[in-house]
Protein backbone atom coordinates (compact mmCIF):
# COMPACT_ATOMS: atom_id res chain seq x y z
CA MET A 1 58.81 119.74 90.61
CA ALA A 2 61.26 121.30 92.85
CA SER A 3 58.57 122.67 95.14
CA TRP A 4 56.99 119.36 95.42
CA LEU A 5 59.97 117.54 96.28
CA ALA A 6 60.71 120.15 99.00
CA ARG A 7 57.34 119.82 100.52
CA ALA A 8 57.57 115.92 100.45
CA GLU A 9 59.00 114.31 104.23
CA VAL A 10 60.05 111.06 101.69
CA TYR A 11 61.08 110.42 98.36
CA VAL A 12 60.32 106.68 97.06
CA SER A 13 62.00 104.55 94.62
CA ALA A 14 61.42 100.99 94.19
CA SER A 15 63.45 100.39 90.64
CA HIS A 16 64.88 96.81 90.10
CA SER A 17 67.26 98.58 88.09
CA ASP A 18 68.45 102.11 87.20
CA SER A 19 71.95 104.29 86.75
CA THR A 20 72.13 107.72 88.36
CA SER A 21 68.70 108.77 88.99
CA GLN A 22 67.99 112.15 88.47
CA SER A 23 64.77 112.20 90.36
CA LEU A 24 67.05 110.91 93.71
CA LEU A 25 69.66 113.88 93.11
CA GLU A 26 66.53 116.04 92.81
CA ALA A 27 64.82 114.62 96.30
CA MET A 28 68.00 114.87 97.97
CA ALA A 29 68.83 118.53 96.91
CA ALA A 30 65.63 119.62 98.11
CA GLY A 31 65.50 117.78 101.39
CA ALA A 32 63.06 114.83 100.68
CA LEU A 33 64.38 111.93 102.39
CA PRO A 34 65.09 109.00 99.94
CA VAL A 35 63.98 105.54 100.48
CA VAL A 36 65.11 103.91 97.39
CA SER A 37 66.02 100.27 96.27
CA ASP A 38 69.32 98.74 97.15
CA ILE A 39 70.69 99.03 93.46
CA GLU A 40 73.72 99.86 92.13
CA GLY A 41 72.83 103.11 90.66
CA ASN A 42 71.59 104.18 93.87
CA ARG A 43 74.48 103.07 95.91
CA GLU A 44 76.64 105.14 93.75
CA TRP A 45 74.77 108.33 95.78
CA VAL A 46 73.34 107.00 98.84
CA GLY A 47 73.86 103.98 101.39
CA TYR A 48 72.26 103.35 104.91
CA GLY A 49 74.15 104.66 107.80
CA GLU A 50 76.94 107.46 107.68
CA PRO A 51 79.99 106.73 105.86
CA ALA A 52 83.30 107.00 108.02
CA ASP A 53 85.63 108.68 105.88
CA GLU A 54 84.55 111.99 104.76
CA GLY A 55 87.88 112.91 102.87
CA ASP A 56 87.45 109.92 100.28
CA ARG A 57 85.18 110.44 97.24
CA ARG A 58 83.95 106.59 97.13
CA THR A 59 82.39 107.13 100.53
CA LEU A 60 81.12 110.82 99.76
CA VAL A 61 77.56 109.41 99.34
CA GLY A 62 74.32 110.38 100.97
CA ILE A 63 72.15 108.49 103.52
CA ALA A 64 68.85 106.92 102.54
CA GLY A 65 66.38 104.01 103.63
CA MET A 66 67.40 101.19 101.72
CA PHE A 67 65.66 98.17 100.80
CA PRO A 68 66.12 94.90 98.64
CA PRO A 69 64.39 95.28 95.33
CA GLY A 70 61.04 93.82 94.85
CA ASP A 71 60.79 93.26 98.56
CA ALA A 72 57.54 95.49 99.81
CA GLY A 73 57.56 94.27 103.58
CA ALA A 74 61.18 95.82 103.76
CA LEU A 75 60.37 99.17 101.82
CA ALA A 76 57.27 99.25 104.26
CA THR A 77 60.17 99.12 107.18
CA ALA A 78 62.18 101.65 105.75
CA ILE A 79 59.34 104.34 105.38
CA GLU A 80 58.34 103.51 108.67
CA HIS A 81 62.00 104.06 109.98
CA ALA A 82 61.90 107.36 107.82
CA LEU A 83 59.28 108.90 109.77
CA ALA A 84 59.89 107.75 113.02
CA ASP A 85 63.42 108.83 113.66
CA ALA A 86 63.31 112.63 113.23
CA GLU A 87 66.96 112.93 114.29
CA TRP A 88 68.28 110.06 111.74
CA VAL A 89 66.38 111.99 108.99
CA GLU A 90 67.79 115.73 110.05
CA ARG A 91 71.32 113.96 109.69
CA ALA A 92 70.77 112.33 106.68
CA ARG A 93 68.78 116.07 104.92
CA ALA A 94 72.23 117.62 105.98
CA ARG A 95 74.56 114.68 104.76
CA ASN A 96 72.49 114.81 101.41
CA ALA A 97 72.53 118.60 100.69
CA ALA A 98 76.41 118.38 101.14
CA VAL A 99 76.87 115.34 98.98
CA ILE A 100 74.49 117.18 95.93
CA ALA A 101 77.06 120.32 96.67
CA ALA A 102 79.82 118.55 96.33
CA ARG A 103 79.08 115.95 93.50
CA GLY A 104 75.95 116.79 92.14
CA ASP A 105 76.65 120.00 90.29
CA TRP A 106 75.03 119.67 86.73
CA HIS A 107 77.18 122.07 85.44
CA ALA A 108 80.57 120.98 86.74
CA ASN A 109 79.64 117.34 85.68
CA LEU A 110 78.69 118.54 82.28
CA GLY A 111 81.98 120.57 82.11
CA ARG A 112 83.84 117.21 82.79
CA ILE A 113 82.19 115.18 80.36
CA GLU A 114 82.98 117.81 77.85
CA ALA A 115 86.39 118.09 78.46
CA CYS A 116 86.52 114.32 78.09
CA PHE A 117 84.93 114.17 75.04
CA ASP A 118 87.60 116.81 73.83
CA ALA A 119 90.55 115.27 75.00
CA LEU A 120 89.09 111.87 73.08
CA ALA A 121 88.60 113.62 70.06
CA GLN A 122 91.79 115.13 69.90
CA GLY A 123 93.77 111.82 71.24
CA ARG A 124 95.05 113.49 74.28
CA ALA A 125 94.77 111.57 77.63
CA LEU A 126 92.00 112.19 79.96
CA PRO A 127 91.91 115.03 82.39
CA PRO A 128 92.33 114.00 85.87
CA ALA A 129 88.80 113.19 88.03
CA GLY A 130 87.79 116.08 89.69
CA PRO A 131 85.39 116.44 93.12
CA ALA A 132 82.18 115.26 90.55
């Protein structure tokens, strides 16, 4: 799957609802530009445009073409933009790779989840949130 995503120029997901999409994260890591529906699960990882404050985890999101769920015309426009603006695409790919490196490490995230479960099972406070 990774080799297919690495060859793709654009990754499209037209979900009406989703939580964190593993395929979105894989596409971002592989360099495929996401064009995704504007739903909460996707907004956790990507947005349209470039966040202003790099230091705030809440703004540490990648760049994607986004469209309202169910709006085929807006989807087509987002894909056309992704294929037409090479400079924007290169900025998006670089940003997306940085976001995945900072927040998308499966092992780091699983370690955090395990630490939380361990703390809860032993009646301790949850560990402080890390970069993931």
